Amino acid sequence: MSLGQQLAPHLPFLRRYGRALTGSQTEGDRYVRATLEAIVAAPEEFPRDVDARLGLYRTFQAIWSSSQIEDMHAGEDGGDAEAIARARLARIAPLSRQALLLTAMEGFTVEDTAYLIGATDSEVDELVSDALAEIEQQTRARVLVIEDEPIIAMDLETIVRDLGHDVTGVAVTRDEAVALALEDRPGLVLADIQLADDSSGIDAVKDILAEFNVPVIFITAFPERLLTGERPEPTFLITKPFQRSTVKAAISQALFFDQATVPAG
């Protein structure tokens, strides 16, 4: 099996990580493309002493780390470059959040995460603890849940409330979701893809975003369909069945970028 064939199944999930890490589909997918370009340009440098998925994420982390150094150097040049660099640096997910995403969202072990970010196991544990502590201090949000399966909706509502956030409502159809959002504007939306009346959670979110901006996390049993990189797709995505820690990490990351947005001008 060629290296390309080995890497192909892992690309959708690397896009998920890249988007969550950058808070942007465009930026996240750009890092994934840069990762693939680096592998194609120098396949002999691809890590062969680990499995393909781990090597892929390790290459991505190297690209990510080098780009942050470039941004810092750009900030030293002054002028517009400095302003752009400051704006981008303000939105960088700290190493602690990278560790949390790699473990809670991507499912890597502490040992694998340590390999990916160049740390020790104990340092990874400390970084994840730091990220969780930061989440506890995060501004409370008002969350709209769009989910037609009652048990999953109850589970999501419990997780959201346990994190200290408020739930503005639970919608099971597109029309109900839009009505609830306009009646009580949320600060975050958790949306299933397929809803009770065969309407789409994606369409519901489009209707809501046409009225006001709000961070959105989609929930789906088929994440590969929304992680192709071929069209406008969600930035934050949770896979069903989900773990509590995954939802927690996704919510905190979406709010992190929403609160870190740099005003224009």
C-alpha atoms as a PDB file:
ATOM      1  CA  MET A   1       0.000   0.000   0.000  1.00  0.00           C
ATOM      2  CA  SER A   2       1.355   3.415  -0.981  1.00  0.00           C
ATOM      3  CA  LEU A   3       1.857   6.197   1.566  1.00  0.00           C
ATOM      4  CA  GLY A   4      -0.972   8.153  -0.048  1.00  0.00           C
ATOM      5  CA  GLN A   5      -3.350   5.225   0.411  1.00  0.00           C
ATOM      6  CA  GLN A   6      -2.294   4.913   4.046  1.00  0.00           C
ATOM      7  CA  LEU A   7      -2.901   8.607   4.746  1.00  0.00           C
ATOM      8  CA  ALA A   8      -6.188   9.053   2.844  1.00  0.00           C
ATOM      9  CA  PRO A   9      -8.547   7.676   5.568  1.00  0.00           C
ATOM     10  CA  HIS A  10      -7.053  10.050   8.145  1.00  0.00           C
ATOM     11  CA  LEU A  11      -7.310  13.287   6.146  1.00  0.00           C
ATOM     12  CA  PRO A  12     -10.928  14.141   7.073  1.00  0.00           C
ATOM     13  CA  PHE A  13     -10.053  13.947  10.760  1.00  0.00           C
ATOM     14  CA  LEU A  14      -6.891  15.988  10.315  1.00  0.00           C
ATOM     15  CA  ARG A  15      -9.113  18.637   8.730  1.00  0.00           C
ATOM     16  CA  ARG A  16     -11.352  18.467  11.803  1.00  0.00           C
ATOM     17  CA  TYR A  17      -8.334  19.050  14.037  1.00  0.00           C
ATOM     18  CA  GLY A  18      -6.946  21.811  11.833  1.00  0.00           C
ATOM     19  CA  ARG A  19     -10.262  23.666  11.794  1.00  0.00           C
ATOM     20  CA  ALA A  20     -10.732  23.356  15.552  1.00  0.00           C
ATOM     21  CA  LEU A  21      -7.141  24.468  16.110  1.00  0.00           C
ATOM     22  CA  THR A  22      -7.442  27.579  13.934  1.00  0.00           C
ATOM     23  CA  GLY A  23     -11.132  28.356  14.381  1.00  0.00           C
ATOM     24  CA  SER A  24     -11.530  28.476  10.599  1.00  0.00           C
ATOM     25  CA  GLN A  25     -12.251  26.020   7.805  1.00  0.00           C
ATOM     26  CA  THR A  26     -10.129  28.059   5.406  1.00  0.00           C
ATOM     27  CA  GLU A  27      -7.128  28.296   7.705  1.00  0.00           C
ATOM     28  CA  GLY A  28      -7.399  24.741   8.984  1.00  0.00           C
ATOM     29  CA  ASP A  29      -7.656  23.254   5.511  1.00  0.00           C
ATOM     30  CA  ARG A  30      -4.749  25.438   4.374  1.00  0.00           C
ATOM     31  CA  TYR A  31      -2.515  23.832   7.005  1.00  0.00           C
ATOM     32  CA  VAL A  32      -3.656  20.380   5.898  1.00  0.00           C
ATOM     33  CA  ARG A  33      -2.758  21.202   2.289  1.00  0.00           C
ATOM     34  CA  ALA A  34       0.638  22.500   3.410  1.00  0.00           C
ATOM     35  CA  THR A  35       1.162  19.259   5.317  1.00  0.00           C
ATOM     36  CA  LEU A  36       0.409  17.142   2.251  1.00  0.00           C
ATOM     37  CA  GLU A  37       2.615  19.335   0.066  1.00  0.00           C
ATOM     38  CA  ALA A  38       5.494  18.868   2.518  1.00  0.00           C
ATOM     39  CA  ILE A  39       5.024  15.092   2.465  1.00  0.00           C
ATOM     40  CA  VAL A  40       4.914  14.989  -1.345  1.00  0.00           C
ATOM     41  CA  ALA A  41       8.002  17.217  -1.571  1.00  0.00           C
ATOM     42  CA  ALA A  42      10.048  15.099   0.830  1.00  0.00           C
ATOM     43  CA  PRO A  43       8.463  11.661   1.357  1.00  0.00           C
ATOM     44  CA  GLU A  44      11.741  10.347   2.752  1.00  0.00           C
ATOM     45  CA  GLU A  45      11.312  12.671   5.742  1.00  0.00           C
ATOM     46  CA  PHE A  46       7.906  11.262   6.674  1.00  0.00           C
ATOM     47  CA  PRO A  47       8.117   9.446  10.054  1.00  0.00           C
ATOM     48  CA  ARG A  48       8.308   5.733   9.303  1.00  0.00           C
ATOM     49  CA  ASP A  49       8.834   4.522  12.855  1.00  0.00           C
ATOM     50  CA  VAL A  50       5.187   5.219  13.823  1.00  0.00           C
ATOM     51  CA  ASP A  51       1.825   4.441  12.220  1.00  0.00           C
ATOM     52  CA  ALA A  52       0.623   6.576   9.311  1.00  0.00           C
ATOM     53  CA  ARG A  53      -1.926   8.571  11.325  1.00  0.00           C
ATOM     54  CA  LEU A  54       0.594   9.533  13.962  1.00  0.00           C
ATOM     55  CA  GLY A  55       3.146  10.468  11.300  1.00  0.00           C
ATOM     56  CA  LEU A  56       0.555  12.585   9.492  1.00  0.00           C
ATOM     57  CA  TYR A  57      -0.362  14.562  12.603  1.00  0.00           C
ATOM     58  CA  ARG A  58       3.318  14.906  13.522  1.00  0.00           C
ATOM     59  CA  THR A  59       4.024  16.478  10.129  1.00  0.00           C
ATOM     60  CA  PHE A  60       1.023  18.780  10.570  1.00  0.00           C
ATOM     61  CA  GLN A  61       2.288  19.866  13.999  1.00  0.00           C
ATOM     62  CA  ALA A  62       5.691  20.683  12.508  1.00  0.00           C
ATOM     63  CA  ILE A  63       4.052  22.841   9.811  1.00  0.00           C
ATOM     64  CA  TRP A  64       1.855  24.522  12.421  1.00  0.00           C
ATOM     65  CA  SER A  65       4.744  25.277  14.779  1.00  0.00           C
ATOM     66  CA  SER A  66       6.951  26.705  12.024  1.00  0.00           C
ATOM     67  CA  SER A  67       4.148  28.969  10.795  1.00  0.00           C
ATOM     68  CA  GLN A  68       3.695  30.450  14.270  1.00  0.00           C
ATOM     69  CA  ILE A  69       7.399  31.292  14.395  1.00  0.00           C
ATOM     70  CA  GLU A  70       7.054  33.011  11.014  1.00  0.00           C
ATOM     71  CA  ASP A  71       4.140  35.066  12.341  1.00  0.00           C
ATOM     72  CA  MET A  72       6.224  36.166  15.311  1.00  0.00           C
ATOM     73  CA  HIS A  73       9.055  37.241  13.007  1.00  0.00           C
ATOM     74  CA  ALA A  74       6.568  39.078  10.793  1.00  0.00           C
ATOM     75  CA  GLY A  75       5.473  41.037  13.839  1.00  0.00           C
ATOM     76  CA  GLU A  76       9.020  42.269  14.284  1.00  0.00           C
ATOM     77  CA  ASP A  77       9.005  43.906  10.850  1.00  0.00           C
ATOM     78  CA  GLY A  78       6.503  46.587  11.834  1.00  0.00           C
ATOM     79  CA  GLY A  79       3.717  48.192   9.815  1.00  0.00           C
ATOM     80  CA  ASP A  80       0.834  46.195   8.424  1.00  0.00           C
ATOM     81  CA  ALA A  81       2.726  42.921   8.837  1.00  0.00           C
ATOM     82  CA  GLU A  82       2.983  43.540  12.570  1.00  0.00           C
ATOM     83  CA  ALA A  83      -0.727  44.251  12.882  1.00  0.00           C
ATOM     84  CA  ILE A  84      -1.609  41.119  10.937  1.00  0.00           C
ATOM     85  CA  ALA A  85       0.791  39.041  13.014  1.00  0.00           C
ATOM     86  CA  ARG A  86      -0.647  40.373  16.283  1.00  0.00           C
ATOM     87  CA  ALA A  87      -4.174  39.614  15.117  1.00  0.00           C
ATOM     88  CA  ARG A  88      -3.251  36.047  14.128  1.00  0.00           C
ATOM     89  CA  LEU A  89      -1.233  35.423  17.288  1.00  0.00           C
ATOM     90  CA  ALA A  90      -4.172  36.564  19.379  1.00  0.00           C
ATOM     91  CA  ARG A  91      -6.173  33.698  17.874  1.00  0.00           C
ATOM     92  CA  ILE A  92      -3.582  30.952  18.258  1.00  0.00           C
ATOM     93  CA  ALA A  93      -4.726  28.024  20.361  1.00  0.00           C
ATOM     94  CA  PRO A  94      -2.155  27.710  23.158  1.00  0.00           C
ATOM     95  CA  LEU A  95      -0.211  24.467  23.551  1.00  0.00           C
ATOM     96  CA  SER A  96      -2.550  23.490  26.380  1.00  0.00           C
ATOM     97  CA  ARG A  97      -5.520  23.611  24.011  1.00  0.00           C
ATOM     98  CA  GLN A  98      -3.619  21.644  21.390  1.00  0.00           C
ATOM     99  CA  ALA A  99      -3.033  18.932  23.987  1.00  0.00           C
ATOM    100  CA  LEU A 100      -6.716  18.940  24.934  1.00  0.00           C
ATOM    101  CA  LEU A 101      -7.877  18.721  21.320  1.00  0.00           C
ATOM    102  CA  LEU A 102      -5.446  15.916  20.499  1.00  0.00           C
ATOM    103  CA  THR A 103      -6.575  13.841  23.473  1.00  0.00           C
ATOM    104  CA  ALA A 104     -10.269  14.697  23.854  1.00  0.00           C
ATOM    105  CA  MET A 105     -11.289  15.315  20.227  1.00  0.00           C
ATOM    106  CA  GLU A 106      -8.790  13.260  18.210  1.00  0.00           C
ATOM    107  CA  GLY A 107      -8.525  10.412  20.713  1.00  0.00           C
ATOM    108  CA  PHE A 108      -4.747  10.225  20.956  1.00  0.00           C
ATOM    109  CA  THR A 109      -3.212   8.753  24.089  1.00  0.00           C
ATOM    110  CA  VAL A 110      -1.103  10.893  26.389  1.00  0.00           C
ATOM    111  CA  GLU A 111       1.987   9.128  25.031  1.00  0.00           C
ATOM    112  CA  ASP A 112       1.050   9.824  21.413  1.00  0.00           C
ATOM    113  CA  THR A 113       0.189  13.438  22.207  1.00  0.00           C
ATOM    114  CA  ALA A 114       3.558  13.877  23.876  1.00  0.00           C
ATOM    115  CA  TYR A 115       5.201  12.630  20.681  1.00  0.00           C
ATOM    116  CA  LEU A 116       3.110  14.963  18.521  1.00  0.00           C
ATOM    117  CA  ILE A 117       3.837  18.174  20.409  1.00  0.00           C
ATOM    118  CA  GLY A 118       7.358  17.325  21.560  1.00  0.00           C
ATOM    119  CA  ALA A 119       6.621  17.060  25.283  1.00  0.00           C
ATOM    120  CA  THR A 120       6.824  14.497  28.055  1.00  0.00           C
ATOM    121  CA  ASP A 121       3.832  12.515  29.291  1.00  0.00           C
ATOM    122  CA  SER A 122       3.751  14.499  32.531  1.00  0.00           C
ATOM    123  CA  GLU A 123       3.882  17.773  30.601  1.00  0.00           C
ATOM    124  CA  VAL A 124       0.902  16.674  28.505  1.00  0.00           C
ATOM    125  CA  ASP A 125      -1.067  15.866  31.653  1.00  0.00           C
ATOM    126  CA  GLU A 126      -0.236  19.307  33.007  1.00  0.00           C
ATOM    127  CA  LEU A 127      -1.153  21.019  29.733  1.00  0.00           C
ATOM    128  CA  VAL A 128      -4.538  19.286  29.610  1.00  0.00           C
ATOM    129  CA  SER A 129      -5.158  20.258  33.243  1.00  0.00           C
ATOM    130  CA  ASP A 130      -4.285  23.864  32.378  1.00  0.00           C
ATOM    131  CA  ALA A 131      -6.739  23.812  29.466  1.00  0.00           C
ATOM    132  CA  LEU A 132      -9.512  22.396  31.644  1.00  0.00           C
ATOM    133  CA  ALA A 133      -8.825  25.021  34.300  1.00  0.00           C
ATOM    134  CA  GLU A 134      -9.050  27.709  31.635  1.00  0.00           C
ATOM    135  CA  ILE A 135     -12.390  26.317  30.511  1.00  0.00           C
ATOM    136  CA  GLU A 136     -13.710  26.701  34.041  1.00  0.00           C
ATOM    137  CA  GLN A 137     -12.940  30.425  33.819  1.00  0.00           C
ATOM    138  CA  GLN A 138     -14.536  30.819  30.403  1.00  0.00           C
ATOM    139  CA  THR A 139     -17.380  33.278  29.993  1.00  0.00           C
ATOM    140  CA  ARG A 140     -20.783  31.655  30.398  1.00  0.00           C
ATOM    141  CA  ALA A 141     -22.662  31.232  27.130  1.00  0.00           C
ATOM    142  CA  ARG A 142     -26.299  30.765  26.195  1.00  0.00           C
ATOM    143  CA  VAL A 143     -26.606  27.640  24.041  1.00  0.00           C
ATOM    144  CA  LEU A 144     -29.278  26.522  21.585  1.00  0.00           C
ATOM    145  CA  VAL A 145     -29.421  22.748  21.045  1.00  0.00           C
ATOM    146  CA  ILE A 146     -30.797  21.512  17.706  1.00  0.00           C
ATOM    147  CA  GLU A 147     -31.256  17.746  18.054  1.00  0.00           C
ATOM    148  CA  ASP A 148     -34.248  15.522  17.278  1.00  0.00           C
ATOM    149  CA  GLU A 149     -33.206  12.434  19.284  1.00  0.00           C
ATOM    150  CA  PRO A 150     -34.533  12.974  22.854  1.00  0.00           C
ATOM    151  CA  ILE A 151     -31.843  10.991  24.673  1.00  0.00           C
ATOM    152  CA  ILE A 152     -29.005  12.734  22.828  1.00  0.00           C
ATOM    153  CA  ALA A 153     -30.672  16.116  23.331  1.00  0.00           C
ATOM    154  CA  MET A 154     -30.959  15.471  27.073  1.00  0.00           C
ATOM    155  CA  ASP A 155     -27.335  14.365  27.198  1.00  0.00           C
ATOM    156  CA  LEU A 156     -26.160  17.500  25.393  1.00  0.00           C
ATOM    157  CA  GLU A 157     -28.295  19.712  27.607  1.00  0.00           C
ATOM    158  CA  THR A 158     -26.811  18.103  30.717  1.00  0.00           C
ATOM    159  CA  ILE A 159     -23.242  18.531  29.453  1.00  0.00           C
ATOM    160  CA  VAL A 160     -23.874  22.175  28.555  1.00  0.00           C
ATOM    161  CA  ARG A 161     -25.379  22.974  31.962  1.00  0.00           C
ATOM    162  CA  ASP A 162     -22.643  21.072  33.811  1.00  0.00           C
ATOM    163  CA  LEU A 163     -20.103  23.290  32.032  1.00  0.00           C
ATOM    164  CA  GLY A 164     -21.819  26.308  33.549  1.00  0.00           C
ATOM    165  CA  HIS A 165     -23.650  27.445  30.424  1.00  0.00           C
ATOM    166  CA  ASP A 166     -27.371  28.094  29.978  1.00  0.00           C
ATOM    167  CA  VAL A 167     -29.631  26.339  27.459  1.00  0.00           C
ATOM    168  CA  THR A 168     -31.992  28.675  25.606  1.00  0.00           C
ATOM    169  CA  GLY A 169     -33.987  25.806  24.142  1.00  0.00           C
ATOM    170  CA  VAL A 170     -33.991  22.453  22.355  1.00  0.00           C
ATOM    171  CA  ALA A 171     -35.284  22.378  18.774  1.00  0.00           C
ATOM    172  CA  VAL A 172     -36.124  19.269  16.735  1.00  0.00           C
ATOM    173  CA  THR A 173     -36.874  20.855  13.332  1.00  0.00           C
ATOM    174  CA  ARG A 174     -35.403  23.576  11.122  1.00  0.00           C
ATOM    175  CA  ASP A 175     -38.338  25.966  11.611  1.00  0.00           C
ATOM    176  CA  GLU A 176     -38.382  25.456  15.367  1.00  0.00           C
ATOM    177  CA  ALA A 177     -34.630  26.077  15.570  1.00  0.00           C
ATOM    178  CA  VAL A 178     -34.884  29.359  13.690  1.00  0.00           C
ATOM    179  CA  ALA A 179     -37.872  30.487  15.755  1.00  0.00           C
ATOM    180  CA  LEU A 180     -36.118  29.708  19.048  1.00  0.00           C
ATOM    181  CA  ALA A 181     -32.932  31.455  17.910  1.00  0.00           C
ATOM    182  CA  LEU A 182     -34.799  34.622  16.976  1.00  0.00           C
ATOM    183  CA  GLU A 183     -36.882  34.548  20.146  1.00  0.00           C
ATOM    184  CA  ASP A 184     -33.908  34.137  22.506  1.00  0.00           C
ATOM    185  CA  ARG A 185     -30.616  34.812  20.744  1.00  0.00           C
ATOM    186  CA  PRO A 186     -27.987  32.198  21.739  1.00  0.00           C
ATOM    187  CA  GLY A 187     -24.241  32.704  22.036  1.00  0.00           C
ATOM    188  CA  LEU A 188     -23.527  29.198  20.705  1.00  0.00           C
ATOM    189  CA  VAL A 189     -25.423  26.609  18.649  1.00  0.00           C
ATOM    190  CA  LEU A 190     -25.066  22.817  18.861  1.00  0.00           C
ATOM    191  CA  ALA A 191     -26.715  21.357  15.764  1.00  0.00           C
ATOM    192  CA  ASP A 192     -27.428  17.836  14.567  1.00  0.00           C
ATOM    193  CA  ILE A 193     -27.332  17.386  10.788  1.00  0.00           C
ATOM    194  CA  GLN A 194     -30.503  15.343  10.212  1.00  0.00           C
ATOM    195  CA  LEU A 195     -33.645  16.611  11.977  1.00  0.00           C
ATOM    196  CA  ALA A 196     -37.048  15.148  12.818  1.00  0.00           C
ATOM    197  CA  ASP A 197     -39.014  16.351   9.772  1.00  0.00           C
ATOM    198  CA  ASP A 198     -36.210  15.382   7.367  1.00  0.00           C
ATOM    199  CA  SER A 199     -35.070  18.993   7.384  1.00  0.00           C
ATOM    200  CA  SER A 200     -31.402  19.835   7.725  1.00  0.00           C
ATOM    201  CA  GLY A 201     -29.566  21.240  10.703  1.00  0.00           C
ATOM    202  CA  ILE A 202     -27.194  22.841   8.203  1.00  0.00           C
ATOM    203  CA  ASP A 203     -30.090  24.725   6.605  1.00  0.00           C
ATOM    204  CA  ALA A 204     -31.363  25.748  10.037  1.00  0.00           C
ATOM    205  CA  VAL A 205     -27.952  27.162  10.889  1.00  0.00           C
ATOM    206  CA  LYS A 206     -27.764  29.003   7.546  1.00  0.00           C
ATOM    207  CA  ASP A 207     -31.104  30.643   8.337  1.00  0.00           C
ATOM    208  CA  ILE A 208     -29.881  31.647  11.795  1.00  0.00           C
ATOM    209  CA  LEU A 209     -26.561  32.984  10.499  1.00  0.00           C
ATOM    210  CA  ALA A 210     -28.468  35.103   7.989  1.00  0.00           C
ATOM    211  CA  GLU A 211     -29.916  36.960  10.983  1.00  0.00           C
ATOM    212  CA  PHE A 212     -26.864  37.185  13.265  1.00  0.00           C
ATOM    213  CA  ASN A 213     -23.401  35.718  13.759  1.00  0.00           C
ATOM    214  CA  VAL A 214     -22.960  32.938  16.307  1.00  0.00           C
ATOM    215  CA  PRO A 215     -20.410  30.110  16.681  1.00  0.00           C
ATOM    216  CA  VAL A 216     -21.768  26.704  15.645  1.00  0.00           C
ATOM    217  CA  ILE A 217     -20.779  23.121  16.432  1.00  0.00           C
ATOM    218  CA  PHE A 218     -22.271  20.407  14.215  1.00  0.00           C
ATOM    219  CA  ILE A 219     -22.919  16.861  15.422  1.00  0.00           C
ATOM    220  CA  THR A 220     -23.033  13.975  12.965  1.00  0.00           C
ATOM    221  CA  ALA A 221     -22.539  10.237  12.683  1.00  0.00           C
ATOM    222  CA  PHE A 222     -20.874  10.724   9.290  1.00  0.00           C
ATOM    223  CA  PRO A 223     -18.143  13.366   9.766  1.00  0.00           C
ATOM    224  CA  GLU A 224     -16.287  12.369   6.582  1.00  0.00           C
ATOM    225  CA  ARG A 225     -19.126  13.877   4.516  1.00  0.00           C
ATOM    226  CA  LEU A 226     -18.466  17.317   6.018  1.00  0.00           C
ATOM    227  CA  LEU A 227     -14.680  17.152   6.072  1.00  0.00           C
ATOM    228  CA  THR A 228     -13.861  16.915   2.383  1.00  0.00           C
ATOM    229  CA  GLY A 229     -12.298  20.368   2.039  1.00  0.00           C
ATOM    230  CA  GLU A 230     -14.079  20.733  -1.327  1.00  0.00           C
ATOM    231  CA  ARG A 231     -16.804  23.242  -0.326  1.00  0.00           C
ATOM    232  CA  PRO A 232     -17.855  25.499   2.571  1.00  0.00           C
ATOM    233  CA  GLU A 233     -18.048  23.132   5.551  1.00  0.00           C
ATOM    234  CA  PRO A 234     -18.337  23.365   9.354  1.00  0.00           C
ATOM    235  CA  THR A 235     -15.390  24.578  11.396  1.00  0.00           C
ATOM    236  CA  PHE A 236     -16.332  22.620  14.524  1.00  0.00           C
ATOM    237  CA  LEU A 237     -17.593  19.062  14.242  1.00  0.00           C
ATOM    238  CA  ILE A 238     -18.409  16.364  16.813  1.00  0.00           C
ATOM    239  CA  THR A 239     -18.758  12.723  15.799  1.00  0.00           C
ATOM    240  CA  LYS A 240     -21.610  10.520  17.058  1.00  0.00           C
ATOM    241  CA  PRO A 241     -21.448   8.664  19.323  1.00  0.00           C
ATOM    242  CA  PHE A 242     -19.582  11.321  21.257  1.00  0.00           C
ATOM    243  CA  GLN A 243     -17.694  11.391  24.515  1.00  0.00           C
ATOM    244  CA  ARG A 244     -18.444  14.020  27.131  1.00  0.00           C
ATOM    245  CA  SER A 245     -14.838  15.225  26.944  1.00  0.00           C
ATOM    246  CA  THR A 246     -15.159  15.729  23.169  1.00  0.00           C
ATOM    247  CA  VAL A 247     -18.209  17.965  23.550  1.00  0.00           C
ATOM    248  CA  LYS A 248     -16.493  19.884  26.318  1.00  0.00           C
ATOM    249  CA  ALA A 249     -13.389  20.489  24.211  1.00  0.00           C
ATOM    250  CA  ALA A 250     -15.416  21.541  21.154  1.00  0.00           C
ATOM    251  CA  ILE A 251     -17.582  23.976  23.114  1.00  0.00           C
ATOM    252  CA  SER A 252     -14.598  25.558  24.822  1.00  0.00           C
ATOM    253  CA  GLN A 253     -12.697  25.910  21.547  1.00  0.00           C
ATOM    254  CA  ALA A 254     -15.636  27.471  19.696  1.00  0.00           C
ATOM    255  CA  LEU A 255     -16.134  29.987  22.507  1.00  0.00           C
ATOM    256  CA  PHE A 256     -12.368  30.587  22.696  1.00  0.00           C
ATOM    257  CA  PHE A 257     -12.301  31.823  19.107  1.00  0.00           C
ATOM    258  CA  ASP A 258     -15.584  33.687  19.402  1.00  0.00           C
ATOM    259  CA  GLN A 259     -14.219  35.650  22.383  1.00  0.00           C
ATOM    260  CA  ALA A 260     -10.785  36.094  20.771  1.00  0.00           C
ATOM    261  CA  THR A 261     -12.106  37.618  17.552  1.00  0.00           C
ATOM    262  CA  VAL A 262     -10.181  40.755  16.713  1.00  0.00           C
ATOM    263  CA  PRO A 263     -12.464  43.665  15.788  1.00  0.00           C
ATOM    264  CA  ALA A 264     -11.941  45.120  12.350  1.00  0.00           C
ATOM    265  CA  GLY A 265     -10.551  48.621  11.926  1.00  0.00           C
END
